[in-house]
Amino acid sequence: MKIEESTIVETNDYRVIIYPASRSFTPKESKVITEKLYDFLATWATHGKPLSSSFKIEKNQFIVVCVDEEKEAASGCSIDSLGQVLREIDQEFQLGLFDRMKATFVENGEIKTLKLKDFRDGLKSGEIAKDIEVFDFSKNSYVAFLSDFLLPLRRSWAGIYID
């Protein structure tokens, strides 16, 4: 099920896990990812108890998985099983879903992803404008995702790289 179709109430207990790709998905990749996640989440459980979950492909580049932990909390084993499915998807399409040493931002209406070092260097040299918006993949609640997933550079985690 997709987030838009979910009946889960949006609360801070609605856990979010974001998997950022290093590039946009092709239509075929989006279709396969959707099918695999739909099948996996239909049977996703923790200690034999089903998890109330959903997912969304955001901006054609980010996989956002949500769990209603008011009903049942995701355990380490269940998170590991989700990670395994995402690793398989990552290997199949070479998406860089587990590369955390990158920055993804919007510049002139276009989503760009750079290695963190190249991003910092670009900001310092002025190659990257200071009026960009930066994605924050550390959001762990749906409310935080909705309000702070994309922030102006100065308000984002990357604000430390500018004067």
N, C-alpha and C. Protein backbone atom coordinates (compact mmCIF):
# COMPACT_ATOMS: atom_id res chain seq x y z
N MET A 1 0.85 -1.17 0.00
CA MET A 1 0.00 0.00 0.00
C MET A 1 0.89 1.22 0.00
N LYS A 2 0.44 2.27 -0.59
CA LYS A 2 1.20 3.52 -0.61
C LYS A 2 0.74 4.40 0.53
N ILE A 3 1.58 5.33 0.92
CA ILE A 3 1.27 6.19 2.06
C ILE A 3 -0.04 6.95 1.83
N GLU A 4 -0.25 7.45 0.63
CA GLU A 4 -1.46 8.23 0.36
C GLU A 4 -2.73 7.42 0.63
N GLU A 5 -2.64 6.09 0.48
CA GLU A 5 -3.81 5.24 0.66
C GLU A 5 -3.91 4.70 2.09
N SER A 6 -2.95 5.03 2.92
CA SER A 6 -2.88 4.49 4.27
C SER A 6 -3.96 5.07 5.16
N THR A 7 -4.41 4.27 6.11
CA THR A 7 -5.36 4.74 7.11
C THR A 7 -4.65 5.04 8.42
N ILE A 8 -3.32 4.97 8.41
CA ILE A 8 -2.53 5.22 9.61
C ILE A 8 -2.59 6.70 9.96
N VAL A 9 -2.83 6.99 11.22
CA VAL A 9 -2.87 8.38 11.68
C VAL A 9 -1.44 8.91 11.73
N GLU A 10 -1.26 10.15 11.25
CA GLU A 10 0.07 10.75 11.22
C GLU A 10 0.42 11.27 12.61
N THR A 11 1.29 10.53 13.32
CA THR A 11 1.74 10.93 14.63
C THR A 11 3.25 10.77 14.69
N ASN A 12 3.85 11.26 15.76
CA ASN A 12 5.29 11.09 15.92
C ASN A 12 5.66 9.63 16.09
N ASP A 13 4.72 8.78 16.45
CA ASP A 13 4.99 7.36 16.62
C ASP A 13 4.98 6.61 15.28
N TYR A 14 4.63 7.29 14.22
CA TYR A 14 4.61 6.71 12.90
C TYR A 14 6.05 6.76 12.39
N ARG A 15 6.77 5.67 12.54
CA ARG A 15 8.21 5.63 12.25
C ARG A 15 8.48 5.67 10.75
N VAL A 16 9.50 6.43 10.37
CA VAL A 16 9.88 6.57 8.97
C VAL A 16 11.33 6.12 8.80
N ILE A 17 11.57 5.35 7.76
CA ILE A 17 12.93 4.96 7.37
C ILE A 17 13.09 5.38 5.91
N ILE A 18 14.10 6.20 5.64
CA ILE A 18 14.30 6.75 4.30
C ILE A 18 15.53 6.12 3.67
N TYR A 19 15.36 5.62 2.45
CA TYR A 19 16.46 5.06 1.67
C TYR A 19 16.67 5.95 0.45
N PRO A 20 17.73 6.78 0.46
CA PRO A 20 17.97 7.70 -0.64
C PRO A 20 18.84 7.08 -1.74
N ALA A 21 18.35 7.10 -2.95
CA ALA A 21 19.15 6.63 -4.08
C ALA A 21 20.07 7.77 -4.54
N SER A 22 21.11 7.42 -5.25
CA SER A 22 22.05 8.41 -5.76
C SER A 22 21.60 9.00 -7.09
N ARG A 23 20.50 8.50 -7.60
CA ARG A 23 19.96 8.98 -8.88
C ARG A 23 18.47 8.67 -8.94
N SER A 24 17.82 9.24 -9.93
CA SER A 24 16.40 8.97 -10.14
C SER A 24 16.20 7.54 -10.62
N PHE A 25 15.02 7.00 -10.34
CA PHE A 25 14.68 5.66 -10.80
C PHE A 25 14.15 5.74 -12.23
N THR A 26 14.44 4.71 -13.00
CA THR A 26 13.80 4.59 -14.31
C THR A 26 12.37 4.10 -14.08
N PRO A 27 11.49 4.23 -15.07
CA PRO A 27 10.13 3.69 -14.89
C PRO A 27 10.13 2.20 -14.56
N LYS A 28 11.01 1.43 -15.19
CA LYS A 28 11.07 -0.02 -14.91
C LYS A 28 11.52 -0.25 -13.47
N GLU A 29 12.53 0.49 -13.01
CA GLU A 29 13.01 0.33 -11.64
C GLU A 29 11.91 0.68 -10.64
N SER A 30 11.19 1.76 -10.87
CA SER A 30 10.10 2.16 -9.97
C SER A 30 9.05 1.05 -9.88
N LYS A 31 8.74 0.45 -11.02
CA LYS A 31 7.74 -0.62 -11.06
C LYS A 31 8.23 -1.83 -10.25
N VAL A 32 9.47 -2.25 -10.46
CA VAL A 32 10.01 -3.41 -9.76
C VAL A 32 10.13 -3.13 -8.26
N ILE A 33 10.62 -1.95 -7.90
CA ILE A 33 10.74 -1.57 -6.49
C ILE A 33 9.37 -1.59 -5.83
N THR A 34 8.39 -1.01 -6.48
CA THR A 34 7.03 -0.98 -5.94
C THR A 34 6.49 -2.39 -5.73
N GLU A 35 6.67 -3.25 -6.71
CA GLU A 35 6.18 -4.63 -6.60
C GLU A 35 6.87 -5.37 -5.46
N LYS A 36 8.20 -5.24 -5.37
CA LYS A 36 8.94 -5.96 -4.33
C LYS A 36 8.57 -5.46 -2.94
N LEU A 37 8.45 -4.15 -2.77
CA LEU A 37 8.10 -3.61 -1.46
C LEU A 37 6.65 -3.92 -1.10
N TYR A 38 5.77 -3.86 -2.06
CA TYR A 38 4.37 -4.20 -1.80
C TYR A 38 4.27 -5.64 -1.30
N ASP A 39 4.96 -6.56 -1.99
CA ASP A 39 4.94 -7.97 -1.59
C ASP A 39 5.58 -8.16 -0.22
N PHE A 40 6.71 -7.52 0.03
CA PHE A 40 7.40 -7.67 1.31
C PHE A 40 6.56 -7.12 2.46
N LEU A 41 6.06 -5.90 2.32
CA LEU A 41 5.32 -5.27 3.42
C LEU A 41 4.02 -5.99 3.73
N ALA A 42 3.46 -6.70 2.74
CA ALA A 42 2.23 -7.46 2.98
C ALA A 42 2.44 -8.57 4.00
N THR A 43 3.68 -9.03 4.13
CA THR A 43 3.97 -10.12 5.07
C THR A 43 4.97 -9.71 6.15
N TRP A 44 5.33 -8.45 6.21
CA TRP A 44 6.34 -7.98 7.17
C TRP A 44 5.81 -8.12 8.58
N ALA A 45 6.61 -8.74 9.44
CA ALA A 45 6.17 -8.99 10.81
C ALA A 45 7.35 -8.86 11.77
N THR A 46 7.00 -8.69 13.04
CA THR A 46 7.99 -8.70 14.10
C THR A 46 7.55 -9.73 15.13
N HIS A 47 8.40 -10.69 15.38
CA HIS A 47 8.09 -11.77 16.34
C HIS A 47 6.73 -12.40 16.04
N GLY A 48 6.46 -12.61 14.76
CA GLY A 48 5.23 -13.25 14.33
C GLY A 48 4.01 -12.35 14.27
N LYS A 49 4.15 -11.10 14.68
CA LYS A 49 3.02 -10.16 14.65
C LYS A 49 3.16 -9.24 13.44
N PRO A 50 2.11 -9.12 12.65
CA PRO A 50 2.20 -8.28 11.45
C PRO A 50 2.44 -6.81 11.81
N LEU A 51 3.22 -6.15 10.96
CA LEU A 51 3.48 -4.72 11.12
C LEU A 51 2.56 -3.94 10.19
N SER A 52 1.96 -2.90 10.72
CA SER A 52 1.14 -2.00 9.91
C SER A 52 2.09 -1.02 9.25
N SER A 53 2.28 -1.18 7.94
CA SER A 53 3.30 -0.39 7.25
C SER A 53 2.84 0.02 5.87
N SER A 54 3.58 0.97 5.33
CA SER A 54 3.32 1.45 3.97
C SER A 54 4.62 2.01 3.43
N PHE A 55 4.61 2.36 2.16
CA PHE A 55 5.80 2.95 1.57
C PHE A 55 5.40 3.94 0.49
N LYS A 56 6.38 4.71 0.10
CA LYS A 56 6.16 5.73 -0.92
C LYS A 56 7.48 5.94 -1.64
N ILE A 57 7.44 6.10 -2.94
CA ILE A 57 8.62 6.54 -3.69
C ILE A 57 8.47 8.05 -3.84
N GLU A 58 9.34 8.77 -3.16
CA GLU A 58 9.27 10.23 -3.11
C GLU A 58 10.22 10.83 -4.13
N LYS A 59 9.73 11.77 -4.91
CA LYS A 59 10.54 12.51 -5.89
C LYS A 59 11.27 11.58 -6.85
N ASN A 60 10.75 10.39 -7.05
CA ASN A 60 11.30 9.39 -7.96
C ASN A 60 12.75 9.02 -7.63
N GLN A 61 13.16 9.24 -6.36
CA GLN A 61 14.54 8.95 -5.99
C GLN A 61 14.70 8.43 -4.56
N PHE A 62 13.68 8.56 -3.75
CA PHE A 62 13.79 8.18 -2.34
C PHE A 62 12.70 7.17 -1.99
N ILE A 63 13.09 6.11 -1.30
CA ILE A 63 12.13 5.12 -0.83
C ILE A 63 11.85 5.43 0.63
N VAL A 64 10.60 5.69 0.94
CA VAL A 64 10.20 6.05 2.30
C VAL A 64 9.29 4.95 2.82
N VAL A 65 9.74 4.26 3.86
CA VAL A 65 8.98 3.18 4.47
C VAL A 65 8.47 3.67 5.82
N CYS A 66 7.20 3.43 6.10
CA CYS A 66 6.58 3.88 7.35
C CYS A 66 5.98 2.70 8.10
N VAL A 67 6.08 2.79 9.43
CA VAL A 67 5.53 1.75 10.30
C VAL A 67 4.73 2.43 11.41
N ASP A 68 3.52 1.95 11.62
CA ASP A 68 2.70 2.47 12.72
C ASP A 68 3.10 1.73 13.98
N GLU A 69 3.99 2.33 14.77
CA GLU A 69 4.48 1.66 15.96
C GLU A 69 3.53 1.76 17.15
N GLU A 70 2.42 2.46 16.99
CA GLU A 70 1.40 2.44 18.04
C GLU A 70 0.72 1.08 18.06
N LYS A 71 0.68 0.41 16.90
CA LYS A 71 0.07 -0.92 16.83
C LYS A 71 1.08 -1.99 17.20
N GLU A 72 2.27 -1.91 16.62
CA GLU A 72 3.33 -2.90 16.88
C GLU A 72 4.66 -2.26 16.49
N ALA A 73 5.63 -2.31 17.40
CA ALA A 73 6.95 -1.71 17.14
C ALA A 73 7.80 -2.66 16.30
N ALA A 74 8.50 -2.07 15.34
CA ALA A 74 9.43 -2.86 14.53
C ALA A 74 10.64 -3.21 15.38
N SER A 75 11.04 -4.47 15.36
CA SER A 75 12.18 -4.94 16.14
C SER A 75 13.44 -4.91 15.27
N GLY A 76 14.56 -5.21 15.90
CA GLY A 76 15.81 -5.28 15.16
C GLY A 76 15.77 -6.28 14.02
N CYS A 77 15.17 -7.44 14.28
CA CYS A 77 15.09 -8.48 13.25
C CYS A 77 14.20 -8.03 12.08
N SER A 78 13.09 -7.36 12.39
CA SER A 78 12.21 -6.92 11.31
C SER A 78 12.86 -5.81 10.50
N ILE A 79 13.59 -4.91 11.16
CA ILE A 79 14.32 -3.86 10.44
C ILE A 79 15.41 -4.49 9.57
N ASP A 80 16.07 -5.53 10.09
CA ASP A 80 17.09 -6.24 9.31
C ASP A 80 16.48 -6.88 8.07
N SER A 81 15.28 -7.44 8.20
CA SER A 81 14.65 -8.08 7.04
C SER A 81 14.27 -7.04 5.98
N LEU A 82 13.83 -5.87 6.43
CA LEU A 82 13.56 -4.77 5.48
C LEU A 82 14.87 -4.37 4.80
N GLY A 83 15.93 -4.23 5.59
CA GLY A 83 17.23 -3.86 5.03
C GLY A 83 17.70 -4.86 3.99
N GLN A 84 17.43 -6.14 4.22
CA GLN A 84 17.84 -7.16 3.26
C GLN A 84 17.12 -6.98 1.92
N VAL A 85 15.83 -6.71 1.97
CA VAL A 85 15.07 -6.48 0.73
C VAL A 85 15.61 -5.26 0.00
N LEU A 86 15.90 -4.20 0.74
CA LEU A 86 16.43 -2.98 0.12
C LEU A 86 17.84 -3.21 -0.42
N ARG A 87 18.65 -4.05 0.24
CA ARG A 87 19.99 -4.36 -0.27
C ARG A 87 19.89 -5.12 -1.60
N GLU A 88 18.92 -6.02 -1.68
CA GLU A 88 18.71 -6.76 -2.93
C GLU A 88 18.32 -5.80 -4.05
N ILE A 89 17.42 -4.88 -3.76
CA ILE A 89 17.02 -3.86 -4.75
C ILE A 89 18.22 -3.01 -5.13
N ASP A 90 19.00 -2.61 -4.12
CA ASP A 90 20.18 -1.78 -4.35
C ASP A 90 21.18 -2.49 -5.26
N GLN A 91 21.42 -3.76 -5.00
CA GLN A 91 22.38 -4.52 -5.81
C GLN A 91 21.86 -4.69 -7.24
N GLU A 92 20.57 -4.95 -7.37
CA GLU A 92 20.00 -5.18 -8.70
C GLU A 92 20.12 -3.95 -9.59
N PHE A 93 19.92 -2.76 -9.02
CA PHE A 93 19.87 -1.54 -9.83
C PHE A 93 21.03 -0.57 -9.57
N GLN A 94 21.95 -0.92 -8.65
CA GLN A 94 23.09 -0.04 -8.35
C GLN A 94 22.63 1.38 -8.01
N LEU A 95 21.84 1.50 -6.93
CA LEU A 95 21.21 2.77 -6.57
C LEU A 95 21.95 3.55 -5.48
N GLY A 96 22.87 2.92 -4.79
CA GLY A 96 23.57 3.62 -3.71
C GLY A 96 22.69 3.91 -2.50
N LEU A 97 21.72 3.04 -2.23
CA LEU A 97 20.77 3.27 -1.14
C LEU A 97 21.42 3.30 0.23
N PHE A 98 22.57 2.67 0.38
CA PHE A 98 23.21 2.58 1.70
C PHE A 98 24.46 3.46 1.79
N ASP A 99 24.70 4.28 0.79
CA ASP A 99 25.83 5.21 0.81
C ASP A 99 25.40 6.47 1.55
N ARG A 100 25.84 6.61 2.78
CA ARG A 100 25.46 7.77 3.60
C ARG A 100 26.43 8.93 3.46
N MET A 101 27.48 8.77 2.67
CA MET A 101 28.46 9.84 2.49
C MET A 101 28.16 10.63 1.21
N LYS A 102 26.92 11.08 1.11
CA LYS A 102 26.50 11.87 -0.04
C LYS A 102 25.53 12.94 0.43
N ALA A 103 25.36 13.93 -0.40
CA ALA A 103 24.40 15.00 -0.14
C ALA A 103 23.49 15.11 -1.35
N THR A 104 22.21 15.24 -1.09
CA THR A 104 21.24 15.40 -2.16
C THR A 104 20.52 16.72 -1.92
N PHE A 105 20.41 17.50 -2.98
CA PHE A 105 19.89 18.85 -2.86
C PHE A 105 19.15 19.25 -4.14
N VAL A 106 18.42 20.35 -4.05
CA VAL A 106 17.70 20.88 -5.20
C VAL A 106 18.37 22.20 -5.58
N GLU A 107 18.81 22.26 -6.83
CA GLU A 107 19.42 23.48 -7.36
C GLU A 107 18.78 23.77 -8.71
N ASN A 108 18.23 24.96 -8.85
CA ASN A 108 17.54 25.35 -10.08
C ASN A 108 16.45 24.35 -10.48
N GLY A 109 15.73 23.85 -9.47
CA GLY A 109 14.62 22.94 -9.71
C GLY A 109 15.02 21.51 -10.02
N GLU A 110 16.30 21.20 -9.98
CA GLU A 110 16.79 19.87 -10.31
C GLU A 110 17.38 19.20 -9.07
N ILE A 111 17.05 17.91 -8.88
CA ILE A 111 17.61 17.15 -7.77
C ILE A 111 19.00 16.68 -8.18
N LYS A 112 19.98 16.98 -7.32
CA LYS A 112 21.36 16.58 -7.59
C LYS A 112 21.91 15.83 -6.38
N THR A 113 22.77 14.87 -6.63
CA THR A 113 23.42 14.11 -5.57
C THR A 113 24.92 14.13 -5.83
N LEU A 114 25.67 14.47 -4.79
CA LEU A 114 27.13 14.50 -4.88
C LEU A 114 27.72 13.77 -3.69
N LYS A 115 28.95 13.30 -3.86
CA LYS A 115 29.69 12.79 -2.71
C LYS A 115 29.82 13.95 -1.73
N LEU A 116 29.79 13.63 -0.44
CA LEU A 116 29.82 14.67 0.59
C LEU A 116 31.01 15.61 0.43
N LYS A 117 32.18 15.08 0.14
CA LYS A 117 33.37 15.92 -0.05
C LYS A 117 33.18 16.89 -1.21
N ASP A 118 32.65 16.40 -2.32
CA ASP A 118 32.42 17.25 -3.50
C ASP A 118 31.37 18.32 -3.19
N PHE A 119 30.37 17.95 -2.40
CA PHE A 119 29.34 18.90 -1.99
C PHE A 119 29.95 20.02 -1.15
N ARG A 120 30.74 19.66 -0.14
CA ARG A 120 31.39 20.66 0.72
C ARG A 120 32.31 21.56 -0.11
N ASP A 121 33.11 20.95 -0.97
CA ASP A 121 34.02 21.74 -1.81
C ASP A 121 33.25 22.68 -2.73
N GLY A 122 32.13 22.20 -3.28
CA GLY A 122 31.31 23.03 -4.16
C GLY A 122 30.70 24.23 -3.44
N LEU A 123 30.30 24.02 -2.19
CA LEU A 123 29.78 25.13 -1.40
C LEU A 123 30.87 26.16 -1.10
N LYS A 124 32.04 25.66 -0.73
CA LYS A 124 33.15 26.57 -0.40
C LYS A 124 33.62 27.36 -1.61
N SER A 125 33.66 26.72 -2.77
CA SER A 125 34.16 27.39 -3.97
C SER A 125 33.10 28.28 -4.63
N GLY A 126 31.84 28.11 -4.24
CA GLY A 126 30.77 28.88 -4.86
C GLY A 126 30.16 28.22 -6.08
N GLU A 127 30.65 27.02 -6.45
CA GLU A 127 30.06 26.29 -7.58
C GLU A 127 28.61 25.90 -7.28
N ILE A 128 28.34 25.68 -5.99
CA ILE A 128 26.98 25.37 -5.56
C ILE A 128 26.45 26.61 -4.85
N ALA A 129 25.30 27.08 -5.29
CA ALA A 129 24.71 28.30 -4.73
C ALA A 129 24.29 28.10 -3.28
N LYS A 130 24.22 29.17 -2.55
CA LYS A 130 23.83 29.12 -1.13
C LYS A 130 22.30 29.12 -0.96
N ASP A 131 21.56 29.30 -2.06
CA ASP A 131 20.10 29.33 -1.96
C ASP A 131 19.46 27.99 -2.31
N ILE A 132 20.24 26.92 -2.22
CA ILE A 132 19.71 25.57 -2.50
C ILE A 132 18.88 25.06 -1.33
N GLU A 133 18.15 24.00 -1.59
CA GLU A 133 17.45 23.26 -0.53
C GLU A 133 18.10 21.89 -0.44
N VAL A 134 18.21 21.38 0.79
CA VAL A 134 18.91 20.13 1.05
C VAL A 134 17.96 19.11 1.67
N PHE A 135 18.06 17.85 1.22
CA PHE A 135 17.26 16.77 1.78
C PHE A 135 17.90 16.25 3.06
N ASP A 136 17.06 15.90 4.03
CA ASP A 136 17.53 15.35 5.30
C ASP A 136 16.94 13.95 5.47
N PHE A 137 17.81 12.95 5.36
CA PHE A 137 17.37 11.55 5.42
C PHE A 137 17.33 11.00 6.83
N SER A 138 17.62 11.83 7.83
CA SER A 138 17.63 11.36 9.21
C SER A 138 16.26 11.44 9.88
N LYS A 139 15.27 11.95 9.20
CA LYS A 139 13.94 12.07 9.79
C LYS A 139 13.42 10.68 10.14
N ASN A 140 12.91 10.54 11.36
CA ASN A 140 12.44 9.21 11.76
C ASN A 140 10.97 9.17 12.15
N SER A 141 10.26 10.27 11.95
CA SER A 141 8.80 10.26 12.15
C SER A 141 8.16 10.86 10.90
N TYR A 142 6.93 10.47 10.66
CA TYR A 142 6.26 10.97 9.46
C TYR A 142 6.00 12.47 9.55
N VAL A 143 5.71 12.96 10.74
CA VAL A 143 5.49 14.40 10.91
C VAL A 143 6.77 15.16 10.58
N ALA A 144 7.91 14.69 11.07
CA ALA A 144 9.18 15.35 10.76
C ALA A 144 9.50 15.24 9.27
N PHE A 145 9.19 14.10 8.67
CA PHE A 145 9.39 13.93 7.23
C PHE A 145 8.57 14.96 6.46
N LEU A 146 7.31 15.12 6.83
CA LEU A 146 6.45 16.07 6.12
C LEU A 146 6.94 17.51 6.24
N SER A 147 7.44 17.87 7.43
CA SER A 147 7.79 19.27 7.65
C SER A 147 9.25 19.61 7.36
N ASP A 148 10.16 18.65 7.50
CA ASP A 148 11.58 18.99 7.43
C ASP A 148 12.42 18.10 6.53
N PHE A 149 11.82 17.41 5.59
CA PHE A 149 12.58 16.55 4.69
C PHE A 149 13.44 17.37 3.73
N LEU A 150 12.93 18.49 3.29
CA LEU A 150 13.64 19.37 2.38
C LEU A 150 13.68 20.76 3.00
N LEU A 151 14.89 21.23 3.30
CA LEU A 151 15.05 22.51 4.00
C LEU A 151 16.01 23.42 3.25
N PRO A 152 15.86 24.74 3.42
CA PRO A 152 16.87 25.66 2.89
C PRO A 152 18.23 25.31 3.49
N LEU A 153 19.28 25.50 2.73
CA LEU A 153 20.63 25.13 3.15
C LEU A 153 20.96 25.59 4.56
N ARG A 154 20.69 26.85 4.87
CA ARG A 154 21.07 27.40 6.18
C ARG A 154 20.34 26.72 7.33
N ARG A 155 19.14 26.20 7.10
CA ARG A 155 18.36 25.53 8.16
C ARG A 155 18.59 24.02 8.19
N SER A 156 19.35 23.51 7.24
CA SER A 156 19.55 22.06 7.13
C SER A 156 20.81 21.62 7.86
N TRP A 157 21.01 20.33 7.91
CA TRP A 157 22.23 19.75 8.49
C TRP A 157 23.48 20.27 7.79
N ALA A 158 23.36 20.65 6.53
CA ALA A 158 24.52 21.10 5.74
C ALA A 158 24.85 22.57 5.98
N GLY A 159 24.06 23.25 6.79
CA GLY A 159 24.32 24.65 7.11
C GLY A 159 25.68 24.85 7.77
N ILE A 160 26.22 23.80 8.37
CA ILE A 160 27.54 23.92 9.01
C ILE A 160 28.65 24.15 8.00
N TYR A 161 28.39 23.90 6.73
CA TYR A 161 29.43 24.04 5.70
C TYR A 161 29.49 25.44 5.10
N ILE A 162 28.64 26.33 5.56
CA ILE A 162 28.69 27.71 5.03
C ILE A 162 29.03 28.67 6.15
N ASP A 163 29.52 29.83 5.75
CA ASP A 163 29.91 30.84 6.75
C ASP A 163 28.71 31.48 7.40
